[in-house]
Amino acid sequence: MAASHVIPIALDALQCARRFLLLGTRPEAEGAVAEAAGWWRLVAAVAAGALQHGGVAAELRAFGQLLADAGWDSAVRSGALALPSEPPPALAAALDGGLLRCLELLLRRAGRAPDGPEAAVVRAVVLCRDRGRSLPAYVGPLLAYGEPRQAAALVATLRKLLRTSDRQALSAEYLAPEDNWHQVLVLAVEAVLDAVQEWDVLEPASSDTNDQVDVSGAAPGGGPSPAAQQLVRLLSCAACEWLPELARAVMVPESVNQRALYIFLSWLPLLAARCSSPQPCQPAVTTPAPGEGGGPDGGRAAAAEEEDGGWRALLLEEVGAVRLLDRALQLVPQLAELGDSGYVHNILCYLVLSCGSVAAVYTGQRPPPSHAAVGSSGEAGLHADAAVTAGAAGEPFRGAVPAGQSRPSTPQPLPWRPELLREAAAQLRTLGAPENAEDAEGLAAYLERRRGDGGVYEELHPPLVELGPLSSALLPPAEARRLLPGRCANPACTSLEGDSEADLTLKACAGCGAVGYCCRPCQLEHWRAGHKGACGRVQGGGGA
């Protein structure tokens, strides 16, 4: 039989068997989950061994729809922290049949061949879930209930795919994602990041607004289930891994993906608030991954992250929030031409909130978060009492340094142009948001005073979001990244060889033995990027 004939025959067989073996009509029948798991094993086998010979677009789309047509969409309907301990039967069968590993295999092969059959199947999965059915509701339970190392591997693979994708395609607005693997990839990542905000407002309110959710282990006598805790850990890891890569795509000068920018503007205040808030728990003792603490390259980074777990470095250095907001402010004059007043209103509110929050972290000031929260609709703050609070009355961005804190050292001036903030204020007044307009005017005046008094920063009291139960539970970046399997010590690693990050075998550095690499090119790149000096110091006994 010709290889090209395998896919249509396998597809017909899977579609016929699906009616009898999946759990739509008899989820509680004896042996039903085992039968369904067998069906998923057949799907995974076809994906691994036969799909590479497929070439008919309609057949590839049909195979992708088989993967996407799952029965666990309601698992996170009540929020990520409300997941039950046991997965729904349909999800248990899919996981037992290897769906999680199958998805990662398809993604890695698609990354190696963006025009190949695996990429066509991934496009079908993402677009099928995106149009009328929630992609995060499909992926989230897989991460929550999947084998932890395999679930973390999926997160790591998506980071590498973002890193290796065409920046121009990632930054462009979605024109025809059906034909563009790179845009489908960023659409999938954005959907999951956006869902964190939605899940945050779905969580039941705590009796004490200062309560933090313990994600280090099952709490005695109650608390989030192990599945909910695993999902929080992996969402933490996803945010740390995906946001910096997505930021580089947003920063392409020629064009800006407005959906990606909107997601960033909703995440930046959250990250800034985490720079100010206490840690959610005492993290479990873990062994640092190669290059992350304890080794010649990780020691300095670990020391720098000790105070806040790496939140500030993630916000200012990895995501590049100051530069990203400078790019966003440059778009303000164009927003009035969009014609969608609701979208313009929300993005301007988030922009002003982001600028104030990031400015406070950048200048070294950490005022306590306000007790006002983003509304349950997930939209940006409409009023001071619904989303943000100001500092001193009449001067939203001025206030006393919090007790016990000294005036921060003077960093480089913020590059933001005050006139763009004033234009944002004018648009906000037109859109009926006078409180947010006052915040924008206050920050513009703050920047002008900064430039006129010899570069001395005065005290800053910005509006901040209140962290919700889910965002409060996110692990610090330094802890979240220890979940990743087989992490190559080369921070620029883009290797997609093999079918899973969980299968990577790292070869230790022959000089110091403290870091490991997935391949020779990564070792050479890291050596030239600075490991040469660090390795020599360890061998010479000088430490890091």
Protein backbone atom coordinates (compact mmCIF):
# COMPACT_ATOMS: atom_id res chain seq x y z
CA MET A 1 0.00 0.00 0.00
CA ALA A 2 1.30 3.46 -0.86
CA ALA A 3 2.14 5.62 2.15
CA SER A 4 -0.24 8.34 0.92
CA HIS A 5 -3.17 5.91 1.24
CA VAL A 6 -2.63 5.29 4.95
CA ILE A 7 -4.06 8.57 6.22
CA PRO A 8 -7.49 8.38 4.51
CA ILE A 9 -7.92 4.75 5.60
CA ALA A 10 -6.85 5.54 9.19
CA LEU A 11 -9.08 8.61 9.28
CA ASP A 12 -12.14 6.64 8.14
CA ALA A 13 -11.43 3.96 10.74
CA LEU A 14 -10.99 6.49 13.55
CA GLN A 15 -14.17 8.33 12.66
CA CYS A 16 -16.17 5.11 12.57
CA ALA A 17 -14.70 3.81 15.82
CA ARG A 18 -15.20 7.13 17.55
CA ARG A 19 -18.97 6.68 17.67
CA PHE A 20 -18.60 3.43 19.57
CA LEU A 21 -15.47 3.98 21.67
CA LEU A 22 -15.70 7.54 22.96
CA LEU A 23 -17.71 8.51 26.00
CA GLY A 24 -20.45 10.75 24.66
CA THR A 25 -23.37 8.43 25.44
CA ARG A 26 -22.09 6.08 28.13
CA PRO A 27 -19.33 7.64 30.24
CA GLU A 28 -20.12 5.48 33.28
CA ALA A 29 -20.31 2.12 31.48
CA GLU A 30 -17.88 -0.55 32.65
CA GLY A 31 -14.66 -0.41 30.64
CA ALA A 32 -15.76 2.74 28.76
CA VAL A 33 -12.73 4.82 29.79
CA ALA A 34 -10.33 2.01 28.85
CA GLU A 35 -11.98 1.66 25.42
CA ALA A 36 -11.79 5.41 24.84
CA ALA A 37 -8.13 5.42 25.90
CA GLY A 38 -7.48 2.76 23.28
CA TRP A 39 -9.02 4.99 20.64
CA TRP A 40 -6.74 7.86 21.67
CA ARG A 41 -3.74 5.53 21.47
CA LEU A 42 -4.67 4.84 17.86
CA VAL A 43 -4.90 8.59 17.21
CA ALA A 44 -1.46 9.11 18.73
CA ALA A 45 -0.01 6.26 16.68
CA VAL A 46 -1.39 7.73 13.45
CA ALA A 47 0.01 11.16 14.37
CA ALA A 48 3.46 9.74 15.12
CA GLY A 49 3.80 7.24 12.28
CA ALA A 50 1.47 8.04 9.40
CA LEU A 51 0.65 11.73 9.44
CA GLN A 52 3.96 12.70 7.86
CA HIS A 53 2.76 11.06 4.65
CA GLY A 54 -0.48 13.08 4.51
CA GLY A 55 -0.89 15.78 1.91
CA VAL A 56 -4.61 16.37 1.32
CA ALA A 57 -5.71 19.51 3.14
CA ALA A 58 -9.25 18.29 3.84
CA GLU A 59 -7.97 15.07 5.43
CA LEU A 60 -5.50 16.94 7.62
CA ARG A 61 -8.21 19.33 8.79
CA ALA A 62 -10.48 16.39 9.59
CA PHE A 63 -7.73 14.75 11.64
CA GLY A 64 -7.18 18.00 13.55
CA GLN A 65 -10.88 18.23 14.29
CA LEU A 66 -10.80 14.71 15.73
CA LEU A 67 -8.11 15.88 18.15
CA ALA A 68 -10.03 19.03 19.01
CA ASP A 69 -13.43 17.42 19.56
CA ALA A 70 -13.01 16.76 23.28
CA GLY A 71 -15.54 16.44 26.07
CA TRP A 72 -13.97 18.27 29.00
CA ASP A 73 -14.68 21.90 28.11
CA SER A 74 -16.50 22.62 31.35
CA ALA A 75 -13.61 21.53 33.59
CA VAL A 76 -12.38 25.09 34.24
CA ARG A 77 -15.74 26.81 33.92
CA SER A 78 -15.75 27.64 37.64
CA GLY A 79 -12.13 28.80 37.64
CA ALA A 80 -8.69 27.26 37.73
CA LEU A 81 -8.65 26.92 41.51
CA ALA A 82 -11.95 25.04 41.58
CA LEU A 83 -10.83 21.97 39.64
CA PRO A 84 -11.89 18.64 41.16
CA SER A 85 -9.26 16.13 42.20
CA GLU A 86 -10.17 13.65 39.48
CA PRO A 87 -10.41 14.48 35.75
CA PRO A 88 -13.64 14.02 33.79
CA PRO A 89 -13.84 10.54 32.20
CA ALA A 90 -13.29 11.86 28.67
CA LEU A 91 -10.15 13.70 29.76
CA ALA A 92 -8.85 10.72 31.74
CA ALA A 93 -9.19 8.56 28.62
CA ALA A 94 -7.41 11.11 26.39
CA LEU A 95 -4.51 11.47 28.83
CA ASP A 96 -4.20 7.72 29.27
CA GLY A 97 -4.17 7.39 25.49
CA GLY A 98 -1.27 9.85 25.11
CA LEU A 99 -2.96 13.03 23.86
CA LEU A 100 -0.67 15.38 25.79
CA ARG A 101 2.48 13.86 24.32
CA CYS A 102 0.80 13.66 20.90
CA LEU A 103 0.11 17.41 20.92
CA GLU A 104 3.72 18.21 21.78
CA LEU A 105 4.96 15.90 19.04
CA LEU A 106 2.75 17.66 16.49
CA LEU A 107 3.93 21.08 17.66
CA ARG A 108 7.62 20.22 17.47
CA ARG A 109 7.31 18.66 14.03
CA ALA A 110 5.28 21.67 12.88
CA GLY A 111 8.04 23.95 14.15
CA ARG A 112 10.61 22.03 12.12
CA ALA A 113 8.38 22.06 9.01
CA PRO A 114 5.84 24.95 9.14
CA ASP A 115 4.42 23.91 5.75
CA GLY A 116 4.16 20.23 6.63
CA PRO A 117 1.14 18.09 7.50
CA GLU A 118 1.64 18.38 11.26
CA ALA A 119 1.40 22.17 11.03
CA ALA A 120 -1.87 21.81 9.11
CA VAL A 121 -3.27 19.59 11.86
CA VAL A 122 -2.21 22.04 14.59
CA ARG A 123 -3.88 24.87 12.67
CA ALA A 124 -7.09 22.85 12.56
CA VAL A 125 -6.95 22.15 16.32
CA VAL A 126 -6.32 25.78 17.28
CA LEU A 127 -8.81 27.33 14.89
CA CYS A 128 -11.49 24.77 15.67
CA ARG A 129 -11.21 25.55 19.37
CA ASP A 130 -10.90 29.29 18.81
CA ARG A 131 -14.07 29.63 16.78
CA GLY A 132 -16.88 29.11 19.20
CA ARG A 133 -15.06 26.71 21.56
CA SER A 134 -12.43 27.84 24.00
CA LEU A 135 -8.87 26.74 23.33
CA PRO A 136 -7.80 27.41 26.96
CA ALA A 137 -10.68 25.22 28.15
CA TYR A 138 -9.11 22.46 26.04
CA VAL A 139 -5.46 22.99 27.01
CA GLY A 140 -5.91 24.01 30.65
CA PRO A 141 -7.26 20.66 31.91
CA LEU A 142 -4.55 18.82 29.98
CA LEU A 143 -1.94 20.81 31.90
CA ALA A 144 -3.76 20.34 35.19
CA TYR A 145 -4.27 16.58 35.05
CA GLY A 146 -1.45 15.49 32.76
CA GLU A 147 1.74 13.83 33.96
CA PRO A 148 3.60 16.84 35.46
CA ARG A 149 6.85 16.45 33.54
CA GLN A 150 5.03 15.97 30.23
CA ALA A 151 2.76 18.94 30.89
CA ALA A 152 5.76 21.16 31.65
CA ALA A 153 7.40 19.90 28.47
CA LEU A 154 4.47 21.23 26.45
CA VAL A 155 4.97 24.68 28.00
CA ALA A 156 8.69 24.56 27.17
CA THR A 157 8.08 23.51 23.58
CA LEU A 158 5.70 26.42 23.01
CA ARG A 159 8.39 28.81 24.27
CA LYS A 160 10.88 27.44 21.76
CA LEU A 161 8.33 27.69 18.98
CA LEU A 162 7.74 31.37 19.77
CA ARG A 163 11.49 31.94 19.79
CA THR A 164 12.02 30.31 16.39
CA SER A 165 8.99 31.74 14.60
CA ASP A 166 8.96 34.50 12.00
CA ARG A 167 8.80 37.78 13.96
CA GLN A 168 7.04 39.63 11.15
CA ALA A 169 4.32 37.00 10.99
CA LEU A 170 3.93 36.95 14.77
CA SER A 171 3.57 40.72 15.05
CA ALA A 172 1.12 41.18 12.17
CA GLU A 173 -2.62 41.29 12.71
CA TYR A 174 -4.39 38.04 11.94
CA LEU A 175 -5.27 38.11 8.26
CA ALA A 176 -5.48 34.47 7.22
CA PRO A 177 -4.32 32.27 10.12
CA GLU A 178 -5.63 29.22 8.25
CA ASP A 179 -2.60 29.59 5.97
CA ASN A 180 -0.06 30.88 8.49
CA TRP A 181 1.46 28.54 11.06
CA HIS A 182 3.19 31.37 12.92
CA GLN A 183 -0.01 33.34 13.46
CA VAL A 184 -1.82 30.22 14.66
CA LEU A 185 0.98 29.67 17.17
CA VAL A 186 0.76 33.16 18.65
CA LEU A 187 -3.04 32.93 18.67
CA ALA A 188 -2.84 29.79 20.80
CA VAL A 189 -0.37 31.32 23.27
CA GLU A 190 -2.34 34.55 23.55
CA ALA A 191 -5.56 32.63 24.20
CA VAL A 192 -4.07 30.82 27.20
CA LEU A 193 -2.48 33.99 28.63
CA ASP A 194 -5.73 35.87 28.19
CA ALA A 195 -7.65 33.09 29.95
CA VAL A 196 -5.62 33.59 33.14
CA GLN A 197 -7.29 36.98 33.55
CA GLU A 198 -10.72 35.45 32.99
CA TRP A 199 -10.12 32.55 35.38
CA ASP A 200 -8.86 35.01 38.00
CA VAL A 201 -12.19 36.79 38.25
CA LEU A 202 -14.10 33.48 38.28
CA GLU A 203 -12.48 32.33 41.50
CA PRO A 204 -14.63 32.54 44.65
CA ALA A 205 -13.71 35.55 46.74
CA SER A 206 -11.69 34.89 49.86
CA SER A 207 -13.08 35.90 53.22
CA ASP A 208 -9.87 37.84 53.74
CA THR A 209 -8.49 39.90 50.87
CA ASN A 210 -4.98 39.27 52.18
CA ASP A 211 -5.29 35.47 52.04
CA GLN A 212 -2.84 33.82 49.69
CA VAL A 213 -3.42 30.49 47.99
CA ASP A 214 -0.84 27.88 48.98
CA VAL A 215 0.32 26.07 45.84
CA SER A 216 3.24 24.25 47.42
CA GLY A 217 1.14 21.21 48.28
CA ALA A 218 -2.29 20.04 49.27
CA ALA A 219 -3.47 22.06 52.23
CA PRO A 220 -4.57 19.93 55.21
CA GLY A 221 -8.32 19.92 55.53
CA GLY A 222 -9.08 21.57 52.23
CA GLY A 223 -7.78 24.08 49.72
CA PRO A 224 -7.19 23.71 45.98
CA SER A 225 -6.99 20.19 44.62
CA PRO A 226 -3.65 18.78 43.40
CA ALA A 227 -4.87 19.36 39.82
CA ALA A 228 -5.61 23.02 40.56
CA GLN A 229 -2.21 23.44 42.18
CA GLN A 230 -0.48 21.86 39.19
CA LEU A 231 -2.35 24.15 36.81
CA VAL A 232 -1.30 27.22 38.80
CA ARG A 233 2.33 26.09 38.72
CA LEU A 234 2.26 25.56 34.96
CA LEU A 235 0.41 28.81 34.27
CA SER A 236 3.15 30.53 36.28
CA CYS A 237 5.75 28.81 34.16
CA ALA A 238 3.89 29.64 30.95
CA ALA A 239 3.72 33.34 31.81
CA CYS A 240 7.45 33.46 32.61
CA GLU A 241 8.39 31.59 29.44
CA TRP A 242 5.95 32.98 26.88
CA LEU A 243 5.64 36.68 27.76
CA PRO A 244 9.30 37.57 27.00
CA GLU A 245 9.15 35.79 23.64
CA LEU A 246 5.82 37.36 22.75
CA ALA A 247 7.19 40.78 23.71
CA ARG A 248 9.92 40.48 21.11
CA ALA A 249 7.26 39.82 18.50
CA VAL A 250 5.21 42.83 19.59
CA MET A 251 8.26 45.07 19.34
CA VAL A 252 8.77 44.59 15.59
CA PRO A 253 8.89 48.23 14.34
CA GLU A 254 6.91 47.79 11.15
CA SER A 255 3.67 46.54 12.70
CA VAL A 256 2.03 45.74 16.01
CA ASN A 257 -0.36 42.93 16.73
CA GLN A 258 -3.01 44.82 18.68
CA ARG A 259 -4.45 41.70 20.31
CA ALA A 260 -1.01 40.77 21.65
CA LEU A 261 -0.49 44.33 22.84
CA TYR A 262 -3.84 44.28 24.64
CA ILE A 263 -2.88 41.09 26.46
CA PHE A 264 0.41 42.66 27.53
CA LEU A 265 -1.32 45.74 28.85
CA SER A 266 -3.50 43.51 31.02
CA TRP A 267 -0.50 41.52 32.30
CA LEU A 268 1.93 44.36 33.05
CA PRO A 269 -0.01 45.76 36.05
CA LEU A 270 -0.32 42.23 37.41
CA LEU A 271 3.44 41.66 37.15
CA ALA A 272 4.11 45.06 38.69
CA ALA A 273 1.79 44.25 41.60
CA ARG A 274 3.62 40.96 42.15
CA CYS A 275 6.84 42.97 42.50
CA SER A 276 5.17 44.63 45.50
CA SER A 277 3.20 41.80 47.05
CA PRO A 278 4.32 39.10 49.46
CA GLN A 279 5.07 35.68 48.06
CA PRO A 280 2.11 33.29 48.00
CA CYS A 281 3.86 30.49 49.86
CA GLN A 282 7.15 29.08 50.97
CA PRO A 283 8.19 27.13 47.87
CA ALA A 284 9.09 23.51 48.16
CA VAL A 285 12.77 22.68 48.21
CA THR A 286 13.85 21.78 44.69
CA THR A 287 17.11 21.08 42.96
CA PRO A 288 18.03 23.96 40.65
CA ALA A 289 18.06 23.14 36.98
CA PRO A 290 21.39 23.52 35.14
CA GLY A 291 22.29 27.17 34.96
CA GLU A 292 19.70 28.19 37.60
CA GLY A 293 21.29 28.84 40.94
CA GLY A 294 24.20 27.00 42.49
CA GLY A 295 26.12 26.78 39.22
CA PRO A 296 28.66 29.23 37.84
CA ASP A 297 26.09 30.97 35.68
CA GLY A 298 23.12 30.80 38.03
CA GLY A 299 24.65 32.03 41.29
CA ARG A 300 24.46 35.73 40.54
CA ALA A 301 21.00 35.39 39.05
CA ALA A 302 19.78 33.47 42.09
CA ALA A 303 21.13 36.15 44.43
CA ALA A 304 19.46 38.91 42.42
CA GLU A 305 16.16 37.03 42.47
CA GLU A 306 16.23 36.30 46.20
CA GLU A 307 14.28 39.41 47.21
CA ASP A 308 11.22 39.04 44.99
CA GLY A 309 11.64 35.69 43.26
CA GLY A 310 12.55 37.29 39.94
CA TRP A 311 9.36 39.31 39.32
CA ARG A 312 11.18 42.61 38.77
CA ALA A 313 13.69 41.07 36.39
CA LEU A 314 10.88 39.43 34.43
CA LEU A 315 8.95 42.69 34.14
CA LEU A 316 11.75 45.13 33.35
CA GLU A 317 14.48 43.04 31.76
CA GLU A 318 12.94 40.00 30.11
CA VAL A 319 9.62 41.50 28.99
CA GLY A 320 11.17 44.95 28.56
CA ALA A 321 8.07 46.69 29.91
CA VAL A 322 9.45 50.24 29.68
CA ARG A 323 10.33 49.93 26.01
CA LEU A 324 7.12 48.04 25.24
CA LEU A 325 5.02 50.80 26.80
CA ASP A 326 6.99 53.41 24.87
CA ARG A 327 5.96 51.56 21.70
CA ALA A 328 2.36 51.39 22.89
CA LEU A 329 2.23 55.11 23.64
CA GLN A 330 3.39 55.87 20.11
CA LEU A 331 0.19 54.18 18.89
CA VAL A 332 -2.11 56.50 20.87
CA PRO A 333 -2.67 58.99 18.00
CA GLN A 334 -3.81 56.11 15.78
CA LEU A 335 -6.35 54.73 18.24
CA ALA A 336 -8.89 57.47 17.60
CA GLU A 337 -9.10 56.31 13.99
CA LEU A 338 -10.12 52.74 14.83
CA GLY A 339 -13.80 53.56 15.30
CA ASP A 340 -14.32 50.93 18.01
CA SER A 341 -14.91 53.12 21.06
CA GLY A 342 -15.18 50.19 23.46
CA TYR A 343 -11.82 48.74 22.41
CA VAL A 344 -10.14 52.17 22.44
CA HIS A 345 -11.54 52.88 25.89
CA ASN A 346 -10.25 49.62 27.35
CA ILE A 347 -6.80 49.72 25.78
CA LEU A 348 -6.26 53.33 26.91
CA CYS A 349 -7.33 52.50 30.48
CA TYR A 350 -4.97 49.53 30.56
CA LEU A 351 -2.19 51.62 29.00
CA VAL A 352 -2.41 54.31 31.68
CA LEU A 353 -2.64 51.70 34.43
CA SER A 354 0.38 49.85 33.00
CA CYS A 355 2.48 53.00 32.71
CA GLY A 356 1.84 54.01 36.32
CA SER A 357 2.43 50.52 37.69
CA VAL A 358 5.62 49.94 35.72
CA ALA A 359 6.95 53.42 36.55
CA ALA A 360 6.66 52.66 40.27
CA VAL A 361 8.66 49.44 39.91
CA TYR A 362 11.20 51.10 37.58
CA THR A 363 11.91 53.91 40.04
CA GLY A 364 12.29 51.44 42.90
CA GLN A 365 9.11 52.43 44.72
CA ARG A 366 6.78 49.71 45.89
CA PRO A 367 3.56 51.14 47.25
CA PRO A 368 1.07 48.57 48.55
CA PRO A 369 -1.58 47.45 46.03
CA SER A 370 -4.91 49.22 46.22
CA HIS A 371 -8.07 47.43 47.32
CA ALA A 372 -9.81 48.10 44.01
CA ALA A 373 -10.05 45.32 41.48
CA VAL A 374 -10.49 44.92 37.76
CA GLY A 375 -14.19 44.36 37.12
CA SER A 376 -15.60 40.88 36.68
CA SER A 377 -16.01 41.47 32.96
CA GLY A 378 -12.23 41.51 32.65
CA GLU A 379 -12.28 44.96 31.06
CA ALA A 380 -9.86 47.66 32.07
CA GLY A 381 -10.72 50.00 34.92
CA LEU A 382 -13.69 52.19 34.13
CA HIS A 383 -13.59 54.24 37.32
CA ALA A 384 -11.26 54.74 40.22
CA ASP A 385 -13.55 52.74 42.50
CA ALA A 386 -13.92 49.88 40.00
CA ALA A 387 -10.38 49.22 38.91
CA VAL A 388 -7.74 51.67 40.11
CA THR A 389 -7.19 54.07 42.93
CA ALA A 390 -5.17 57.24 42.92
CA GLY A 391 -2.62 58.51 45.39
CA ALA A 392 -2.99 61.86 47.07
CA ALA A 393 -6.22 63.64 46.16
CA GLY A 394 -5.78 65.91 43.17
CA GLU A 395 -2.32 64.53 42.41
CA PRO A 396 -2.77 60.88 41.40
CA PHE A 397 0.92 60.15 40.96
CA ARG A 398 2.32 61.92 44.02
CA GLY A 399 2.44 60.68 47.57
CA ALA A 400 4.71 59.90 50.47
CA VAL A 401 7.29 57.15 50.37
CA PRO A 402 5.76 54.14 52.18
CA ALA A 403 6.84 53.69 55.79
CA GLY A 404 10.15 51.96 56.19
CA GLN A 405 11.30 52.67 52.63
CA SER A 406 13.95 55.12 51.58
CA ARG A 407 13.99 57.24 48.47
CA PRO A 408 15.16 55.04 45.59
CA SER A 409 18.36 55.58 43.71
CA THR A 410 17.87 57.47 40.46
CA PRO A 411 17.57 55.22 37.39
CA GLN A 412 17.75 56.37 33.80
CA PRO A 413 14.89 58.66 32.75
CA LEU A 414 11.74 57.00 31.49
CA PRO A 415 11.59 57.50 27.71
CA TRP A 416 7.84 58.09 27.55
CA ARG A 417 6.66 61.32 25.94
CA PRO A 418 4.30 63.29 28.23
CA GLU A 419 2.38 64.71 25.28
CA LEU A 420 1.28 61.21 24.29
CA LEU A 421 -0.10 60.63 27.78
CA ARG A 422 -1.94 63.94 27.53
CA GLU A 423 -3.42 62.85 24.22
CA ALA A 424 -4.50 59.60 25.87
CA ALA A 425 -6.13 61.73 28.59
CA ALA A 426 -8.01 63.77 25.98
CA GLN A 427 -9.34 60.63 24.32
CA LEU A 428 -10.37 59.16 27.68
CA ARG A 429 -12.36 62.28 28.53
CA THR A 430 -14.13 62.04 25.18
CA LEU A 431 -14.92 58.39 25.94
CA GLY A 432 -16.41 59.25 29.33
CA ALA A 433 -13.55 58.14 31.60
CA PRO A 434 -12.53 61.31 33.48
CA GLU A 435 -10.88 59.47 36.39
CA ASN A 436 -8.56 57.56 34.06
CA ALA A 437 -7.87 60.78 32.17
CA GLU A 438 -6.75 62.40 35.44
CA ASP A 439 -4.36 59.50 36.00
CA ALA A 440 -2.87 60.02 32.53
CA GLU A 441 -2.50 63.77 33.14
CA GLY A 442 -0.90 63.13 36.52
CA LEU A 443 1.69 60.79 35.04
CA ALA A 444 2.42 63.25 32.21
CA ALA A 445 3.04 66.00 34.79
CA TYR A 446 5.23 63.63 36.81
CA LEU A 447 7.40 62.93 33.74
CA GLU A 448 7.70 66.62 32.95
CA ARG A 449 8.77 67.44 36.50
CA ARG A 450 11.31 64.62 36.35
CA ARG A 451 12.89 66.17 33.26
CA GLY A 452 12.87 69.67 34.67
CA ASP A 453 14.46 69.12 38.06
CA GLY A 454 17.80 67.64 37.05
CA GLY A 455 16.67 64.03 36.86
CA VAL A 456 15.59 63.55 40.47
CA TYR A 457 12.60 61.26 40.83
CA GLU A 458 9.98 62.43 43.27
CA GLU A 459 7.76 59.99 45.10
CA LEU A 460 5.35 58.06 42.95
CA HIS A 461 2.03 56.60 44.03
CA PRO A 462 0.48 54.91 40.99
CA PRO A 463 -2.85 53.15 40.60
CA LEU A 464 -2.44 49.38 40.97
CA VAL A 465 -4.72 46.44 40.40
CA GLU A 466 -5.68 44.21 43.27
CA LEU A 467 -4.40 40.69 42.74
CA GLY A 468 -7.11 38.08 42.39
CA PRO A 469 -6.93 34.62 43.94
CA LEU A 470 -5.29 33.04 40.88
CA SER A 471 -2.79 35.81 40.16
CA SER A 472 -1.87 35.89 43.86
CA ALA A 473 -1.04 32.20 43.67
CA LEU A 474 1.30 32.41 40.69
CA LEU A 475 4.76 31.11 41.54
CA PRO A 476 7.73 33.49 41.35
CA PRO A 477 9.66 33.09 38.08
CA ALA A 478 12.73 31.61 39.76
CA GLU A 479 10.60 28.84 41.27
CA ALA A 480 8.29 28.31 38.30
CA ARG A 481 11.13 27.69 35.88
CA ARG A 482 12.45 24.83 37.95
CA LEU A 483 9.45 22.85 36.74
CA LEU A 484 10.81 22.70 33.21
CA PRO A 485 12.32 19.35 32.18
CA GLY A 486 15.69 19.04 30.49
CA ARG A 487 16.37 22.77 30.50
CA CYS A 488 19.42 23.48 28.38
CA ALA A 489 21.84 25.92 30.03
CA ASN A 490 21.97 27.98 26.84
CA PRO A 491 19.23 30.59 27.42
CA ALA A 492 18.93 31.07 23.64
CA CYS A 493 18.34 27.36 22.95
CA THR A 494 15.91 26.75 20.07
CA SER A 495 16.43 23.04 19.46
CA LEU A 496 13.24 21.23 18.48
CA GLU A 497 14.85 17.86 17.85
CA GLY A 498 12.97 14.88 19.18
CA ASP A 499 9.29 14.62 20.00
CA SER A 500 9.30 16.07 23.53
CA GLU A 501 11.32 18.30 25.81
CA ALA A 502 10.91 15.56 28.41
CA ASP A 503 13.08 13.26 26.29
CA LEU A 504 16.07 15.61 26.07
CA THR A 505 19.34 14.26 27.43
CA LEU A 506 21.67 16.99 28.65
CA LYS A 507 25.42 16.61 28.42
CA ALA A 508 27.28 18.22 31.30
CA CYS A 509 29.95 20.81 30.65
CA ALA A 510 33.29 19.00 30.67
CA GLY A 511 34.94 21.94 32.42
CA CYS A 512 32.76 22.65 35.44
CA GLY A 513 30.12 19.92 35.29
CA ALA A 514 27.57 22.36 36.75
CA VAL A 515 25.55 23.05 33.60
CA GLY A 516 24.20 20.86 30.81
CA TYR A 517 23.47 21.27 27.11
CA CYS A 518 21.12 19.56 24.68
CA CYS A 519 23.55 19.80 21.74
CA ARG A 520 27.01 20.93 20.73
CA PRO A 521 25.83 24.18 19.03
CA CYS A 522 24.14 25.29 22.27
CA GLN A 523 27.30 24.58 24.24
CA LEU A 524 29.40 26.67 21.83
CA GLU A 525 26.89 29.53 21.83
CA HIS A 526 26.73 29.63 25.62
CA TRP A 527 30.52 29.41 25.89
CA ARG A 528 30.94 32.44 23.65
CA ALA A 529 28.15 34.31 25.46
CA GLY A 530 30.00 34.22 28.77
CA HIS A 531 30.17 30.73 30.19
CA LYS A 532 33.87 30.61 29.28
CA GLY A 533 34.73 33.04 32.07
CA ALA A 534 32.32 31.53 34.61
CA CYS A 535 33.56 28.03 33.90
CA GLY A 536 37.17 29.12 34.35
CA ARG A 537 36.43 30.72 37.70
CA VAL A 538 34.83 27.51 38.98
CA GLN A 539 37.76 25.40 37.80
CA GLY A 540 40.15 27.86 39.43
CA GLY A 541 38.22 27.77 42.70
CA GLY A 542 37.17 31.40 42.48
CA GLY A 543 33.44 30.73 42.44
CA ALA A 544 30.94 32.69 40.41
